[in-house]
Amino acid sequence: EDYHDYATIEARKKNVEMHWEYLISLVTKRRQCLELAYNLQRVFQVKRIIGHFDLVTNLSLFYYLGNAIYI
C-alpha cells in the first residue's frame, strides 16, 4: 500500500545522493592528504640519499687524503 509513496522515495533518493557526495568528498580529501604525505616522504628520502652520498664521498676523500699523507 505504501509502495507508491513518491515523496518518501524521492526523499530517500536525495538522502543517498547527499551521503554519496559526502563520501566522495571525504575520499578526495584523504587522497590529497596521502599524496602530500607521499611527496614529503620522497623529498626526505632523496635528501637522505644525497646526504648518504655526501658522507660516502667525504669519507672516501678523507681516506684518500689519509693514505696520501701516510705514503
Foldseek 3Di string as FASTA:
>chain_A
DCPPVVVVVVVVVVVVVVVVVVVVVVVVVVVVVVVVVVVVVVVVVVVVVVVVVVVVVVVVVVVVVVVVVVD
